[in-house]
Amino acid sequence: MRMSKVHDPNEHHDHTGHDHDPNEQDVHDTLNHIVPPRIYIIVGSALLVLTGFTVWASFVDMGALNPVVALAIACFKASIVVLFFMHVKYSSKLTKLTVFSGLFTFAVLIALTMADYFTRAWGRW
């Protein structure tokens, strides 16, 4: 008959809140990334400059390119927000793959919508 060992709650504890051997690496230590405030100031300033550029571009008559320029600036600003404020830049490959798959799905849906829109027989009914 085998006797099971009773778990001693104080075993392998150094009273730091970790329940693993002190020589083992804590998984959470490798997942957290601390971004210095300087990066947030630079990113925030870049977003403000890009917002000013968007306002400036709205007053310039570029014909059919006005929405294209506005959307390009908006996409660039959204990328900055996702990369830095949502910490995707410092995340795991799985998180980056998840973000990319969402963007890819969005691009496919837009492409299918545009394919339908451009192949319609507008005014030929």
Protein backbone atom coordinates (compact mmCIF):
# COMPACT_ATOMS: atom_id res chain seq x y z
CA MET A 1 0.00 0.00 0.00
CA ARG A 2 1.38 3.40 -1.03
CA MET A 3 0.94 6.34 1.19
CA SER A 4 0.49 9.66 -0.49
CA LYS A 5 2.55 12.54 0.68
CA VAL A 6 0.60 15.27 2.38
CA HIS A 7 1.25 18.62 0.76
CA ASP A 8 3.00 20.97 3.13
CA PRO A 9 1.84 24.52 2.27
CA ASN A 10 5.14 25.95 3.52
CA GLU A 11 7.25 23.73 1.31
CA HIS A 12 9.10 25.61 -1.48
CA HIS A 13 7.83 28.92 -0.23
CA ASP A 14 10.01 31.92 0.35
CA HIS A 15 6.96 33.91 1.46
CA THR A 16 6.99 36.07 -1.68
CA GLY A 17 3.64 34.85 -2.94
CA HIS A 18 5.17 32.40 -5.43
CA ASP A 19 4.44 28.72 -5.01
CA HIS A 20 7.38 27.38 -6.97
CA ASP A 21 11.01 26.73 -6.29
CA PRO A 22 13.05 29.98 -6.04
CA ASN A 23 15.29 28.73 -8.85
CA GLU A 24 12.36 28.38 -11.26
CA GLN A 25 11.45 31.35 -13.39
CA ASP A 26 8.08 32.94 -12.82
CA VAL A 27 6.00 32.96 -16.00
CA HIS A 28 4.63 36.40 -15.23
CA ASP A 29 8.12 37.88 -15.03
CA THR A 30 8.63 37.27 -18.75
CA LEU A 31 5.19 38.46 -19.84
CA ASN A 32 5.15 41.92 -18.30
CA HIS A 33 6.90 44.72 -20.10
CA ILE A 34 7.23 48.11 -18.48
CA VAL A 35 7.18 50.94 -20.98
CA PRO A 36 9.01 54.08 -19.85
CA PRO A 37 6.91 57.27 -19.66
CA ARG A 38 9.16 58.84 -22.30
CA ILE A 39 7.71 56.45 -24.91
CA TYR A 40 4.15 57.45 -23.98
CA ILE A 41 5.05 61.13 -24.28
CA ILE A 42 6.59 60.56 -27.72
CA VAL A 43 3.63 58.49 -28.91
CA GLY A 44 1.11 60.99 -27.51
CA SER A 45 2.96 63.85 -29.19
CA ALA A 46 3.03 61.95 -32.48
CA LEU A 47 -0.72 61.38 -32.25
CA LEU A 48 -1.30 65.09 -31.62
CA VAL A 49 0.89 66.04 -34.58
CA LEU A 50 -0.94 63.56 -36.80
CA THR A 51 -4.27 64.97 -35.61
CA GLY A 52 -3.06 68.44 -36.58
CA PHE A 53 -1.98 67.06 -39.95
CA THR A 54 -5.46 65.56 -40.40
CA VAL A 55 -7.06 68.95 -39.68
CA TRP A 56 -4.66 70.67 -42.08
CA ALA A 57 -5.36 68.08 -44.80
CA SER A 58 -9.10 68.64 -44.42
CA PHE A 59 -8.68 72.26 -45.54
CA VAL A 60 -6.57 71.38 -48.59
CA ASP A 61 -8.52 70.57 -51.74
CA MET A 62 -7.04 67.35 -53.10
CA GLY A 63 -10.13 66.31 -55.01
CA ALA A 64 -10.87 62.60 -54.75
CA LEU A 65 -7.74 62.05 -52.62
CA ASN A 66 -9.12 63.83 -49.53
CA PRO A 67 -10.77 60.69 -48.09
CA VAL A 68 -7.75 58.58 -49.04
CA VAL A 69 -5.35 60.89 -47.18
CA ALA A 70 -7.68 61.12 -44.18
CA LEU A 71 -8.04 57.33 -43.98
CA ALA A 72 -4.30 56.80 -44.39
CA ILE A 73 -3.59 59.13 -41.47
CA ALA A 74 -6.33 57.47 -39.40
CA CYS A 75 -4.93 53.99 -40.11
CA PHE A 76 -1.44 55.13 -39.12
CA LYS A 77 -2.77 56.63 -35.87
CA ALA A 78 -4.75 53.46 -35.12
CA SER A 79 -1.62 51.37 -35.69
CA ILE A 80 0.32 53.50 -33.21
CA VAL A 81 -2.45 53.15 -30.62
CA VAL A 82 -2.63 49.36 -31.06
CA LEU A 83 1.14 48.89 -30.98
CA PHE A 84 1.97 51.08 -27.99
CA PHE A 85 -1.12 51.78 -25.89
CA MET A 86 -2.48 48.25 -26.27
CA HIS A 87 1.07 46.83 -25.83
CA VAL A 88 0.88 44.62 -28.92
CA LYS A 89 4.45 45.59 -29.80
CA TYR A 90 5.66 43.94 -26.60
CA SER A 91 3.22 41.01 -26.63
CA SER A 92 3.65 37.39 -27.58
CA LYS A 93 3.57 36.09 -31.13
CA LEU A 94 0.11 34.65 -30.48
CA THR A 95 -1.27 38.10 -29.67
CA LYS A 96 0.35 39.55 -32.79
CA LEU A 97 -1.12 36.71 -34.85
CA THR A 98 -4.56 37.40 -33.38
CA VAL A 99 -4.35 41.09 -34.27
CA PHE A 100 -3.10 40.28 -37.76
CA SER A 101 -5.87 37.73 -38.34
CA GLY A 102 -8.47 40.31 -37.37
CA LEU A 103 -6.97 42.83 -39.78
CA PHE A 104 -6.77 40.19 -42.51
CA THR A 105 -10.43 39.27 -42.00
CA PHE A 106 -11.39 42.94 -42.16
CA ALA A 107 -9.38 43.36 -45.40
CA VAL A 108 -11.12 40.34 -46.95
CA LEU A 109 -14.54 41.70 -46.05
CA ILE A 110 -13.71 45.13 -47.48
CA ALA A 111 -12.32 43.52 -50.66
CA LEU A 112 -15.48 41.46 -51.12
CA THR A 113 -17.67 44.50 -50.53
CA MET A 114 -15.67 46.56 -53.03
CA ALA A 115 -15.78 43.71 -55.58
CA ASP A 116 -19.56 43.69 -55.31
CA TYR A 117 -19.78 47.47 -55.46
CA PHE A 118 -17.55 47.88 -58.53
CA THR A 119 -19.24 45.11 -60.52
CA ARG A 120 -22.76 46.47 -60.15
CA ALA A 121 -24.48 47.73 -63.26
CA TRP A 122 -25.13 51.21 -61.92
CA GLY A 123 -27.83 52.96 -63.92
CA ARG A 124 -28.25 50.12 -66.45
CA TRP A 125 -31.46 48.61 -65.09
